[in-house]
N, C-alpha and C. Protein backbone atom coordinates (compact mmCIF):
# COMPACT_ATOMS: atom_id res chain seq x y z
N UNK A 1 13.81 114.71 86.83
CA UNK A 1 13.28 116.12 87.21
C UNK A 1 14.14 117.14 86.43
N UNK A 2 13.57 118.08 86.18
CA UNK A 2 14.41 119.39 85.87
C UNK A 2 14.56 120.24 87.22
N UNK A 3 15.58 121.13 86.84
CA UNK A 3 16.06 121.89 87.91
C UNK A 3 14.58 122.87 88.30
N UNK A 4 14.03 123.12 87.24
CA UNK A 4 12.60 124.28 87.34
C UNK A 4 11.41 123.27 88.24
N UNK A 5 11.39 121.86 87.56
CA UNK A 5 10.34 121.23 88.42
C UNK A 5 10.79 120.73 90.06
N UNK A 6 12.03 120.90 90.06
CA UNK A 6 12.50 120.55 91.38
C UNK A 6 12.01 121.63 92.34
N UNK A 7 12.15 123.10 92.11
CA UNK A 7 11.58 123.88 92.82
C UNK A 7 9.95 124.59 92.45
N UNK A 8 9.72 123.91 91.74
CA UNK A 8 8.17 123.93 91.61
C UNK A 8 7.36 123.24 92.86
N UNK A 9 6.47 124.25 93.58
CA UNK A 9 5.97 123.70 94.83
C UNK A 9 4.71 122.75 94.32
N UNK A 10 4.35 122.61 93.09
CA UNK A 10 3.04 121.60 92.58
C UNK A 10 4.00 120.26 92.28
N UNK A 11 5.34 120.17 91.64
CA UNK A 11 5.90 119.26 91.41
C UNK A 11 6.79 118.28 92.57
N UNK A 12 7.27 119.23 93.72
CA UNK A 12 7.96 118.71 94.75
C UNK A 12 7.54 119.54 95.95
N UNK A 13 6.10 118.83 96.07
CA UNK A 13 5.64 119.36 97.64
C UNK A 13 6.44 118.90 98.91
N UNK A 14 7.01 117.53 99.01
CA UNK A 14 7.63 117.06 99.78
C UNK A 14 8.86 118.00 100.22
N UNK A 15 9.30 118.67 99.51
CA UNK A 15 10.57 119.80 99.60
C UNK A 15 10.10 120.74 100.60
N UNK A 16 8.90 121.18 99.83
CA UNK A 16 8.79 122.78 100.18
C UNK A 16 7.88 122.40 101.81
N UNK A 17 7.61 121.28 101.94
CA UNK A 17 6.87 120.84 102.88
C UNK A 17 8.17 120.89 104.17
N UNK A 18 9.12 120.48 103.96
CA UNK A 18 10.24 120.20 104.76
C UNK A 18 10.68 121.68 105.04
N UNK A 19 11.30 122.16 104.23
CA UNK A 19 11.82 123.72 104.26
C UNK A 19 10.44 124.37 105.37
N UNK A 20 9.34 124.67 104.96
CA UNK A 20 8.13 125.01 105.91
C UNK A 20 8.51 124.82 107.35
N UNK A 21 8.52 123.22 107.60
CA UNK A 21 8.83 122.59 108.76
C UNK A 21 10.15 123.09 109.43
N UNK A 22 11.13 123.37 108.72
CA UNK A 22 12.39 123.70 109.64
C UNK A 22 12.21 125.25 109.72
N UNK A 23 11.55 125.83 108.88
CA UNK A 23 11.30 127.68 109.34
C UNK A 23 10.45 127.32 110.49
N UNK A 24 9.56 126.74 110.71
CA UNK A 24 8.64 126.51 111.95
C UNK A 24 9.81 126.33 113.21
N UNK A 25 10.50 125.32 112.99
CA UNK A 25 11.51 124.79 114.35
C UNK A 25 12.15 125.94 114.83
N UNK A 26 12.97 126.37 113.53
CA UNK A 26 13.72 127.55 113.93
C UNK A 26 13.23 128.56 114.68
N UNK A 27 12.20 128.95 114.25
CA UNK A 27 11.47 130.11 114.90
C UNK A 27 10.98 129.89 116.36
N UNK A 28 10.53 128.37 116.31
CA UNK A 28 10.31 127.92 117.69
C UNK A 28 11.51 128.02 118.68
N UNK A 29 12.64 127.32 118.16
CA UNK A 29 13.75 127.35 119.06
C UNK A 29 14.41 129.09 119.48
N UNK A 30 14.03 129.81 118.32
CA UNK A 30 14.61 131.21 118.78
C UNK A 30 13.71 131.90 119.76
N UNK A 31 12.51 131.78 119.85
CA UNK A 31 11.14 132.25 120.55
C UNK A 31 11.75 131.85 122.13
N UNK A 32 11.84 129.93 122.02
CA UNK A 32 12.02 129.54 123.16
C UNK A 32 13.36 129.89 123.93
N UNK A 33 14.48 130.28 123.33
CA UNK A 33 15.51 130.58 123.89
C UNK A 33 15.39 132.08 124.37
N UNK A 34 14.71 133.22 123.85
CA UNK A 34 14.47 134.39 124.37
C UNK A 34 13.69 134.17 125.53
N UNK A 35 12.82 133.39 125.60
CA UNK A 35 11.65 133.35 126.42
C UNK A 35 12.66 132.65 128.01
N UNK A 36 13.44 132.19 127.48
CA UNK A 36 14.20 131.24 128.72
C UNK A 36 15.06 132.61 129.13
N UNK A 37 15.57 133.22 128.46
CA UNK A 37 16.92 134.24 128.98
C UNK A 37 15.91 135.41 129.73
N UNK A 38 14.60 135.78 129.11
CA UNK A 38 13.76 136.53 130.07
C UNK A 38 13.51 136.33 131.52
N UNK A 39 13.25 134.63 131.40
CA UNK A 39 12.95 134.25 132.74
C UNK A 39 14.02 133.93 133.63
N UNK A 40 15.38 134.01 132.85
CA UNK A 40 16.45 133.68 133.83
C UNK A 40 17.07 135.21 134.37
N UNK A 41 16.83 136.35 133.25
CA UNK A 41 17.43 137.45 133.71
C UNK A 41 16.66 138.34 134.57
N UNK A 42 15.35 137.69 134.63
CA UNK A 42 13.99 138.35 135.18
C UNK A 42 13.81 139.81 134.50
N UNK A 43 13.60 139.74 133.18
CA UNK A 43 13.43 140.99 132.93
C UNK A 43 12.04 141.62 132.86
N UNK A 44 12.11 142.86 133.04
CA UNK A 44 11.01 143.62 133.36
C UNK A 44 10.70 143.66 135.21
N UNK A 45 12.07 142.92 135.81
CA UNK A 45 11.61 143.01 137.51
C UNK A 45 12.62 143.91 138.07
N UNK A 46 13.35 144.92 137.44
CA UNK A 46 14.28 145.99 137.93
C UNK A 46 13.40 146.85 139.18
N UNK A 47 14.27 147.22 140.15
CA UNK A 47 13.49 147.84 141.04
C UNK A 47 14.39 149.10 141.35
N UNK A 48 14.27 150.20 142.14
CA UNK A 48 14.82 151.33 142.27
C UNK A 48 15.55 151.14 143.41
N UNK A 49 16.95 151.58 143.62
CA UNK A 49 17.50 151.46 145.26
C UNK A 49 17.03 152.64 145.85
N UNK A 50 16.58 152.22 146.87
CA UNK A 50 15.99 153.41 147.77
C UNK A 50 17.11 154.44 148.41
N UNK A 51 16.58 155.61 148.54
CA UNK A 51 17.90 156.55 149.36
C UNK A 51 17.61 156.44 151.16
N UNK A 52 18.82 155.56 151.15
CA UNK A 52 18.48 155.25 152.77
C UNK A 52 20.06 155.90 153.66
N UNK A 53 20.42 156.96 153.26
CA UNK A 53 22.03 157.45 153.67
C UNK A 53 21.27 158.20 154.86
N UNK A 54 22.01 158.03 156.08
CA UNK A 54 21.42 158.38 157.33
C UNK A 54 20.63 157.69 158.10
N UNK A 55 19.83 156.77 157.52
CA UNK A 55 18.81 155.87 158.21
C UNK A 55 19.31 154.66 158.98
N UNK A 56 18.69 154.25 160.20
CA UNK A 56 19.21 152.82 160.91
C UNK A 56 19.16 151.88 160.08
N UNK A 57 19.58 150.83 160.36
CA UNK A 57 19.75 149.70 159.87
C UNK A 57 18.31 149.03 160.08
N UNK A 58 17.11 149.42 160.89
CA UNK A 58 15.99 148.58 161.02
C UNK A 58 15.45 149.57 159.76
N UNK A 59 15.75 150.88 159.81
CA UNK A 59 14.46 151.55 158.80
C UNK A 59 14.71 151.25 157.62
N UNK A 60 16.15 151.06 157.32
CA UNK A 60 16.76 150.95 155.92
C UNK A 60 16.14 149.48 155.42
N UNK A 61 16.16 148.48 156.34
CA UNK A 61 15.62 147.05 156.13
C UNK A 61 14.15 147.08 155.77
N UNK A 62 13.22 147.90 155.88
CA UNK A 62 12.05 147.93 155.77
C UNK A 62 11.69 148.18 154.43
N UNK A 63 12.76 149.10 153.74
CA UNK A 63 12.61 149.79 152.46
C UNK A 63 13.51 148.69 151.63
N UNK A 64 14.44 147.82 152.03
CA UNK A 64 14.90 146.97 151.01
C UNK A 64 13.98 145.74 150.88
N UNK A 65 13.42 145.34 152.20
CA UNK A 65 12.18 144.28 152.06
C UNK A 65 11.36 144.37 151.09
N UNK A 66 10.66 145.50 151.10
CA UNK A 66 9.44 146.12 150.27
C UNK A 66 10.16 146.01 148.88
N UNK A 67 11.29 146.17 148.39
CA UNK A 67 11.72 145.99 147.32
C UNK A 67 12.49 144.78 146.68
N UNK A 68 12.43 144.04 147.87
CA UNK A 68 12.83 142.42 147.59
C UNK A 68 14.28 142.41 147.19
N UNK A 69 15.31 143.55 148.01
CA UNK A 69 16.75 143.59 148.04
C UNK A 69 17.28 143.20 149.31
N UNK A 70 18.26 142.82 149.14
CA UNK A 70 19.25 142.42 150.33
C UNK A 70 20.01 143.12 150.57
N UNK A 71 20.56 143.28 151.92
CA UNK A 71 21.83 144.25 152.13
C UNK A 71 22.88 143.46 153.42
N UNK A 72 24.11 144.01 153.07
CA UNK A 72 25.29 143.31 153.72
C UNK A 72 26.05 144.44 154.31
N UNK A 73 26.29 144.59 155.68
CA UNK A 73 27.23 145.78 156.06
C UNK A 73 28.49 145.33 155.57
N UNK A 74 29.42 146.17 154.87
CA UNK A 74 30.80 145.66 154.46
C UNK A 74 31.60 146.59 154.98
N UNK A 75 31.49 147.74 155.48
CA UNK A 75 32.40 148.62 156.28
C UNK A 75 31.61 149.53 157.18
N UNK A 76 32.74 150.09 157.93
CA UNK A 76 32.26 151.17 158.86
C UNK A 76 33.36 152.17 158.94
N UNK A 77 32.86 153.21 159.24
CA UNK A 77 34.05 154.51 159.42
C UNK A 77 33.40 155.23 160.97
N UNK A 78 34.08 156.22 161.19
CA UNK A 78 33.39 157.01 162.49
C UNK A 78 33.34 158.57 162.11
N UNK A 79 32.09 159.06 162.41
CA UNK A 79 31.83 160.28 162.04
C UNK A 79 31.09 160.46 163.15
N UNK A 80 31.68 161.69 164.27
CA UNK A 80 31.09 161.91 165.60
C UNK A 80 29.84 162.68 165.60
N UNK A 81 29.63 163.41 164.62
CA UNK A 81 28.65 164.19 164.19
C UNK A 81 27.22 163.10 163.92
N UNK A 82 27.46 162.07 163.63
CA UNK A 82 26.27 161.31 163.20
C UNK A 82 25.95 160.20 164.30
N UNK A 83 24.47 159.62 164.45
CA UNK A 83 24.23 158.74 165.46
C UNK A 83 25.09 157.26 164.96
N UNK A 84 25.57 156.52 166.15
CA UNK A 84 26.21 155.40 165.94
C UNK A 84 24.90 154.38 165.23
N UNK A 85 25.64 153.46 164.06
CA UNK A 85 24.94 152.60 163.44
C UNK A 85 24.32 153.14 162.15
N UNK A 86 23.93 154.50 161.90
CA UNK A 86 23.63 154.98 160.67
C UNK A 86 24.20 154.66 159.24
N UNK A 87 23.40 154.89 158.40
CA UNK A 87 24.24 154.46 156.82
C UNK A 87 24.85 155.58 156.52
N UNK A 88 26.28 155.37 156.60
CA UNK A 88 27.02 156.74 155.45
C UNK A 88 27.11 156.73 154.16
N UNK A 89 27.08 155.14 153.49
CA UNK A 89 27.21 155.06 152.09
C UNK A 89 26.64 153.58 151.67
N UNK A 90 26.44 153.58 150.52
CA UNK A 90 25.98 152.04 149.99
C UNK A 90 26.22 151.99 148.65
N UNK A 91 26.54 150.96 148.08
CA UNK A 91 26.50 150.44 146.40
C UNK A 91 25.95 149.13 146.24
N UNK A 92 25.06 149.23 145.21
CA UNK A 92 24.71 150.29 144.56
C UNK A 92 23.96 151.52 145.22
N UNK A 93 24.24 152.92 143.92
CA UNK A 93 23.63 154.02 145.06
C UNK A 93 22.08 153.96 144.61
N UNK A 94 21.59 155.04 145.46
CA UNK A 94 20.54 155.48 145.38
C UNK A 94 19.95 156.03 143.93
N UNK A 95 18.73 155.31 143.51
CA UNK A 95 18.23 155.88 142.20
C UNK A 95 18.84 154.60 141.24
N UNK A 96 19.61 153.97 141.28
CA UNK A 96 19.98 152.76 140.35
C UNK A 96 19.04 151.71 140.21
N UNK A 97 18.66 151.44 139.10
CA UNK A 97 17.74 150.46 138.82
C UNK A 97 18.60 149.15 138.68
N UNK A 98 18.17 148.03 139.43
CA UNK A 98 18.96 146.61 139.63
C UNK A 98 17.90 145.64 140.02
N UNK A 99 17.93 144.33 139.58
CA UNK A 99 17.32 143.39 139.86
C UNK A 99 17.08 142.89 141.16
N UNK A 100 15.93 142.25 141.45
CA UNK A 100 15.10 142.02 142.43
C UNK A 100 16.31 140.88 142.99
N UNK A 101 16.46 140.89 144.56
CA UNK A 101 17.55 139.63 145.18
C UNK A 101 19.01 140.47 145.09
N UNK A 102 18.97 141.62 144.33
CA UNK A 102 20.54 142.21 144.67
C UNK A 102 20.82 142.53 145.79
N UNK A 103 22.37 142.68 146.26
CA UNK A 103 22.71 142.71 147.63
C UNK A 103 23.29 144.01 147.51
N UNK A 104 22.57 144.84 148.29
CA UNK A 104 23.13 146.56 148.59
C UNK A 104 24.10 146.29 149.86
N UNK A 105 25.46 146.65 149.55
CA UNK A 105 26.37 146.77 150.45
C UNK A 105 26.60 148.02 151.05
N UNK A 106 26.48 148.03 152.33
CA UNK A 106 26.17 149.11 153.26
C UNK A 106 27.78 149.38 154.25
N UNK A 107 28.10 151.03 154.26
CA UNK A 107 28.99 151.59 155.16
C UNK A 107 28.04 152.25 156.22
N UNK A 108 28.44 151.72 157.52
CA UNK A 108 27.42 152.31 158.44
C UNK A 108 28.76 152.81 159.43
N UNK A 109 27.99 153.73 160.26
CA UNK A 109 28.81 154.63 161.25
C UNK A 109 29.04 153.84 162.43
N UNK A 110 30.32 153.34 163.04
CA UNK A 110 30.78 152.51 163.72
C UNK A 110 30.09 152.53 165.27
N UNK A 111 29.42 151.60 165.57
CA UNK A 111 28.66 151.43 166.81
C UNK A 111 29.36 151.51 168.24
N UNK A 112 30.70 151.70 168.19
CA UNK A 112 31.38 151.93 169.26
C UNK A 112 32.55 153.19 169.00
N UNK A 113 32.86 154.03 169.99
CA UNK A 113 33.73 155.23 169.81
C UNK A 113 35.28 154.26 169.42
N UNK A 114 35.80 154.87 168.33
CA UNK A 114 37.08 153.87 168.91
C UNK A 114 37.99 154.60 169.63
N UNK A 115 39.41 154.13 169.86
CA UNK A 115 40.24 154.39 170.99
C UNK A 115 41.32 155.38 170.05
N UNK A 116 42.03 156.40 170.77
CA UNK A 116 43.22 157.09 170.18
C UNK A 116 43.99 157.34 171.51
N UNK A 117 45.58 157.15 171.08
CA UNK A 117 46.43 157.42 172.01
C UNK A 117 46.35 158.95 172.07
N UNK A 118 46.65 159.15 173.61
CA UNK A 118 46.79 160.56 173.99
C UNK A 118 48.30 161.06 173.79
N UNK A 119 48.54 162.07 172.88
CA UNK A 119 49.95 162.81 172.90
C UNK A 119 50.76 162.89 174.28
N UNK A 120 51.97 162.39 174.12
CA UNK A 120 52.73 162.43 175.50
C UNK A 120 52.88 164.13 175.55
N UNK A 121 52.42 164.76 176.65
CA UNK A 121 52.57 166.13 176.65
C UNK A 121 52.93 166.53 178.27
N UNK A 122 52.85 165.12 179.21
CA UNK A 122 53.25 165.31 180.57
C UNK A 122 54.55 165.42 180.88
N UNK A 123 54.80 166.67 181.96
CA UNK A 123 56.43 166.62 182.12
C UNK A 123 57.01 166.86 181.05
N UNK A 124 56.51 167.34 180.04
CA UNK A 124 57.73 167.62 178.82
C UNK A 124 57.24 169.00 178.09
N UNK A 125 56.07 169.61 178.62
CA UNK A 125 55.43 170.56 177.69
C UNK A 125 54.97 171.70 178.57
N UNK A 126 54.90 172.82 177.80
CA UNK A 126 53.89 173.89 178.38
C UNK A 126 52.69 173.89 178.07
N UNK A 127 51.93 174.56 178.95
CA UNK A 127 50.34 174.37 178.76
C UNK A 127 50.05 174.76 177.71
N UNK A 128 50.56 175.71 176.77
CA UNK A 128 50.28 176.41 175.84
C UNK A 128 50.80 175.01 174.48
N UNK A 129 51.70 174.62 174.85
CA UNK A 129 52.15 173.47 173.66
C UNK A 129 51.03 172.19 173.76
N UNK A 130 50.87 171.99 174.94
CA UNK A 130 50.01 170.80 175.15
C UNK A 130 48.84 171.10 174.89
N UNK A 131 48.00 171.88 174.91
CA UNK A 131 46.99 172.32 174.35
C UNK A 131 46.84 172.32 173.06
N UNK A 132 47.59 172.85 172.53
CA UNK A 132 47.85 172.90 170.72
C UNK A 132 47.85 171.32 170.33
N UNK A 133 48.83 170.71 170.72
CA UNK A 133 48.95 168.90 170.32
C UNK A 133 47.75 168.52 170.38
N UNK A 134 46.75 168.66 171.87
CA UNK A 134 45.88 167.95 172.04
C UNK A 134 44.40 168.14 171.44
N UNK A 135 44.48 169.39 171.02
CA UNK A 135 43.43 170.21 170.26
C UNK A 135 43.64 169.60 168.54
N UNK A 136 45.06 169.63 168.36
CA UNK A 136 45.25 169.19 166.84
C UNK A 136 44.85 167.54 166.72
N UNK A 137 44.74 166.80 167.53
CA UNK A 137 44.70 165.33 167.91
C UNK A 137 43.32 165.14 167.89
N UNK A 138 42.23 165.73 168.05
CA UNK A 138 40.99 165.96 168.05
C UNK A 138 40.16 165.60 169.39
N UNK A 139 41.03 166.04 170.30
CA UNK A 139 40.43 165.92 171.49
C UNK A 139 40.03 167.45 172.08
N UNK A 140 38.97 167.40 173.06
CA UNK A 140 38.53 168.30 173.52
C UNK A 140 39.32 168.91 175.03
N UNK A 141 39.07 169.58 175.60
CA UNK A 141 39.79 170.08 176.67
C UNK A 141 38.61 170.95 177.43
N UNK A 142 38.91 170.55 179.28
CA UNK A 142 38.04 171.11 180.37
C UNK A 142 39.00 172.25 180.87
N UNK A 143 38.38 172.98 182.05
CA UNK A 143 39.58 173.91 183.04
C UNK A 143 40.49 173.00 183.47
N UNK A 144 41.43 173.56 183.68
CA UNK A 144 43.20 172.95 183.89
C UNK A 144 42.69 172.78 185.23
N UNK A 145 43.43 171.47 186.07
CA UNK A 145 43.68 171.51 187.38
C UNK A 145 45.11 172.08 187.65
N UNK A 146 45.34 173.03 188.71
CA UNK A 146 46.39 173.28 189.18
C UNK A 146 46.77 172.59 190.35
N UNK A 147 48.24 172.69 190.60
CA UNK A 147 49.28 172.31 191.61
C UNK A 147 50.40 173.26 191.94
N UNK A 148 50.93 172.98 193.03
CA UNK A 148 52.24 173.92 193.23
C UNK A 148 53.22 173.46 192.41
N UNK A 149 54.23 174.16 191.90
CA UNK A 149 54.96 174.04 190.78
C UNK A 149 55.18 174.69 189.66
N UNK A 150 56.08 174.55 188.68
CA UNK A 150 56.66 175.67 188.10
C UNK A 150 55.25 176.13 187.03
N UNK A 151 55.30 177.48 186.92
CA UNK A 151 53.96 178.10 186.34
C UNK A 151 53.90 177.42 184.92
N UNK A 152 52.80 176.97 184.55
CA UNK A 152 52.17 176.75 183.17
C UNK A 152 53.12 175.58 182.92
N UNK A 153 53.53 174.94 183.77
CA UNK A 153 54.18 173.58 183.32
C UNK A 153 53.15 172.18 183.14
N UNK A 154 52.79 171.24 182.36
CA UNK A 154 51.98 170.18 182.53
C UNK A 154 52.69 169.28 182.97
N UNK A 155 51.89 168.96 184.26
CA UNK A 155 52.58 167.60 185.39
C UNK A 155 51.73 166.40 185.02
N UNK A 156 50.69 166.56 184.42
CA UNK A 156 49.94 165.49 184.20
C UNK A 156 48.58 165.55 183.08
N UNK A 157 48.19 164.43 182.48
CA UNK A 157 46.76 164.78 181.99
C UNK A 157 45.66 163.84 182.46
N UNK A 158 44.65 164.12 182.65
CA UNK A 158 43.43 163.43 183.29
C UNK A 158 42.48 163.10 182.52
N UNK A 159 41.85 162.22 182.35
CA UNK A 159 40.50 161.90 181.86
C UNK A 159 39.59 161.15 183.00
N UNK A 160 38.43 161.43 182.89
CA UNK A 160 37.43 161.29 184.00
C UNK A 160 38.06 160.86 185.46
N UNK A 161 39.03 162.13 185.66
CA UNK A 161 39.42 162.21 186.82
C UNK A 161 40.86 161.24 187.34
N UNK A 162 40.92 160.40 186.24
CA UNK A 162 42.33 159.47 186.68
C UNK A 162 43.39 160.15 185.57
N UNK A 163 44.60 160.10 186.23
CA UNK A 163 45.98 160.44 185.50
C UNK A 163 46.07 159.24 184.32
N UNK A 164 46.47 159.76 183.16
CA UNK A 164 47.03 158.89 182.13
C UNK A 164 48.39 158.70 181.94
N UNK A 165 48.80 157.32 181.88
CA UNK A 165 50.15 156.91 181.71
C UNK A 165 50.53 157.02 180.30
N UNK A 166 51.74 157.37 179.85
CA UNK A 166 52.35 157.23 178.44
C UNK A 166 52.01 156.18 177.78
N UNK A 167 51.19 156.74 176.35
CA UNK A 167 50.35 155.94 175.74
C UNK A 167 49.39 155.39 175.98
N UNK A 168 48.75 155.81 176.80
CA UNK A 168 47.30 155.65 177.37
C UNK A 168 46.10 155.74 175.95
N UNK A 169 45.42 155.05 175.71
CA UNK A 169 44.44 155.48 174.99
C UNK A 169 43.04 155.53 175.36
N UNK A 170 42.17 156.73 175.11
CA UNK A 170 40.71 157.09 175.36
C UNK A 170 39.88 157.26 174.19
N UNK A 171 38.71 157.45 174.17
CA UNK A 171 37.75 157.45 173.32
C UNK A 171 38.29 158.55 172.37
N UNK A 172 37.86 158.48 170.72
CA UNK A 172 38.16 159.59 169.91
C UNK A 172 37.62 160.83 170.37
N UNK A 173 38.01 162.27 170.34
CA UNK A 173 37.55 163.05 170.84
C UNK A 173 36.99 163.50 172.44
N UNK A 174 37.56 162.55 173.00
CA UNK A 174 37.46 162.68 174.71
C UNK A 174 37.83 164.10 175.39
N UNK A 175 36.95 164.25 176.54
CA UNK A 175 37.37 165.54 177.22
C UNK A 175 38.75 165.27 178.20
N UNK A 176 40.04 166.07 178.10
CA UNK A 176 40.89 165.84 179.14
C UNK A 176 41.15 167.21 179.71
N UNK A 177 42.04 166.62 180.78
CA UNK A 177 42.08 167.99 181.92
C UNK A 177 43.52 167.77 181.93
N UNK A 178 44.20 169.06 182.03
CA UNK A 178 45.58 169.20 182.12
C UNK A 178 45.92 169.87 183.71
N UNK A 179 46.80 169.05 184.07
CA UNK A 179 47.16 169.50 185.35
C UNK A 179 48.56 170.36 185.44
N UNK A 180 48.46 171.53 185.80
CA UNK A 180 49.43 172.33 185.74
C UNK A 180 49.79 173.21 186.79
N UNK A 181 50.89 173.75 186.69
CA UNK A 181 51.94 174.25 187.85
C UNK A 181 51.30 175.70 187.97
N UNK A 182 51.43 176.06 189.11
CA UNK A 182 50.53 177.57 189.47
C UNK A 182 52.04 178.51 189.90
N UNK A 183 52.92 178.10 189.76
CA UNK A 183 53.92 178.91 190.13
C UNK A 183 54.47 179.21 191.62
N UNK A 184 53.56 178.56 192.24
CA UNK A 184 53.84 178.26 193.80
C UNK A 184 55.15 177.31 194.13
N UNK A 185 55.51 177.69 195.25
CA UNK A 185 56.75 176.80 195.67
C UNK A 185 55.89 175.42 196.51
N UNK A 186 56.09 174.40 196.26
CA UNK A 186 55.67 173.43 196.86
C UNK A 186 56.21 172.91 198.35
N UNK A 187 55.58 172.57 199.14
CA UNK A 187 55.88 172.44 200.32
C UNK A 187 56.70 171.37 200.53
N UNK A 188 57.97 171.88 201.55
CA UNK A 188 59.15 171.08 201.51
C UNK A 188 59.46 170.54 203.02
N UNK A 189 58.77 169.60 203.11
CA UNK A 189 58.74 169.41 204.81
C UNK A 189 60.22 168.55 204.97
N UNK A 190 60.39 168.54 206.35
CA UNK A 190 61.75 168.05 206.83
C UNK A 190 61.94 166.64 205.96
N UNK A 191 63.25 166.85 205.80
CA UNK A 191 63.80 165.35 205.59
C UNK A 191 63.29 164.97 203.85
N UNK A 192 62.89 166.19 203.15
CA UNK A 192 62.23 165.97 201.89
C UNK A 192 63.55 166.35 200.78
N UNK A 193 63.18 165.34 199.39
CA UNK A 193 63.89 165.84 198.39
C UNK A 193 63.24 166.61 197.38
N UNK A 194 62.48 167.20 197.82
CA UNK A 194 61.66 168.07 196.55
C UNK A 194 60.35 167.10 196.31
N UNK A 195 60.01 167.28 194.92
CA UNK A 195 58.52 167.01 194.77
C UNK A 195 58.69 165.87 193.47
N UNK A 196 57.64 165.13 193.39
CA UNK A 196 57.81 164.21 191.85
C UNK A 196 57.30 164.93 190.92
N UNK A 197 56.64 164.26 189.39
CA UNK A 197 56.40 164.94 188.82
C UNK A 197 54.72 165.27 188.84
N UNK A 198 54.18 165.00 189.86
CA UNK A 198 52.80 165.31 190.21
C UNK A 198 52.83 166.10 191.35
N UNK A 199 53.81 166.72 191.78
CA UNK A 199 53.86 167.96 192.70
C UNK A 199 54.07 167.30 194.20
N UNK A 200 54.01 165.79 194.35
CA UNK A 200 53.92 165.23 195.54
C UNK A 200 55.68 165.23 196.15
N UNK A 201 55.61 165.52 197.60
CA UNK A 201 56.71 165.44 198.15
C UNK A 201 57.28 164.25 197.88
N UNK A 202 58.69 164.42 198.09
CA UNK A 202 59.39 163.04 198.45
C UNK A 202 60.08 162.88 199.52
N UNK A 203 59.53 161.92 200.42
CA UNK A 203 59.93 162.23 201.59
C UNK A 203 61.13 161.17 201.97
N UNK A 204 62.32 161.12 202.75
CA UNK A 204 63.42 160.17 203.24
C UNK A 204 62.70 159.79 204.34
N UNK A 205 62.46 158.41 204.06
CA UNK A 205 62.00 157.69 205.51
C UNK A 205 63.00 158.02 206.54
N UNK A 206 62.48 158.05 207.81
CA UNK A 206 63.49 158.30 209.13
C UNK A 206 64.31 156.90 209.21
N UNK A 207 65.80 157.31 209.68
CA UNK A 207 66.56 156.22 210.01
C UNK A 207 66.47 155.97 211.17
N UNK A 208 66.44 154.57 211.36
CA UNK A 208 66.31 154.10 212.83
C UNK A 208 67.74 154.23 213.51
N UNK A 209 67.48 154.94 214.79
CA UNK A 209 68.89 155.10 215.50
C UNK A 209 69.09 154.38 216.81
N UNK A 210 70.08 153.69 217.04
CA UNK A 210 70.32 152.76 218.32
C UNK A 210 71.08 153.44 219.29
N UNK A 211 70.58 153.57 220.40
CA UNK A 211 71.09 154.18 221.52
C UNK A 211 72.09 153.12 222.12
N UNK A 212 73.59 153.60 222.00
CA UNK A 212 74.54 152.91 222.88
C UNK A 212 74.83 152.83 223.78
N UNK A 213 74.77 151.62 224.67
CA UNK A 213 75.18 151.69 226.03
C UNK A 213 76.64 152.11 226.52
N UNK A 214 76.72 152.49 227.61
CA UNK A 214 78.21 152.68 228.01
C UNK A 214 79.11 152.03 227.57
N UNK A 215 79.04 150.73 227.86
CA UNK A 215 79.86 149.58 227.78
C UNK A 215 80.43 149.46 225.76
N UNK A 216 79.53 149.84 225.03
CA UNK A 216 79.80 150.04 223.55
C UNK A 216 80.98 150.99 223.04
N UNK A 217 81.13 151.86 224.02
CA UNK A 217 81.89 152.80 223.87
C UNK A 217 83.32 152.24 223.91
N UNK A 218 83.65 151.19 224.52
CA UNK A 218 84.79 150.70 224.88
C UNK A 218 85.27 149.54 223.96
């Protein structure tokens, strides 16, 4: 068979039949791979992430379920001007197209107010210094309580009526009350050594005196 006859369809139908069959198989394989990739990647099933910022979890959950999206609380922060548990941020962000079943990671406003240590201002600060430190730390102040003692000297810090110890922690942004001296001399009862840091008199307990009999003098 000559070279020309080898490539002639009429002279070599078996060869060209095999070539045609190979082409059909290759096309079928390519189509099958593309179809499998489309199914695996869920082509055409992308959804838009809804805008849920500021919503509560239950309200946001309804939108996620409607779009066949999952969600997970990944972090929390504290913003005192917003409701506890509301959504502060999330990723992927609103408007982004994602596949169905994608997990949206949420940052929510903490459910409980975090505690904060109260600056040590009792018995070492004037009222002006104490107010400046407490306000700078984010606390709020109510009207001061006054007791006899050095004028405008801070003797204690109260929260909900109780005096706070050094290092005490209260909710962030709590309302505190300063106990300050009013410039009056504290009462000095007999056998007193003065007043303590809260303005209470320090009293010397009476000494028990024994009456001596006449015989004890000898």
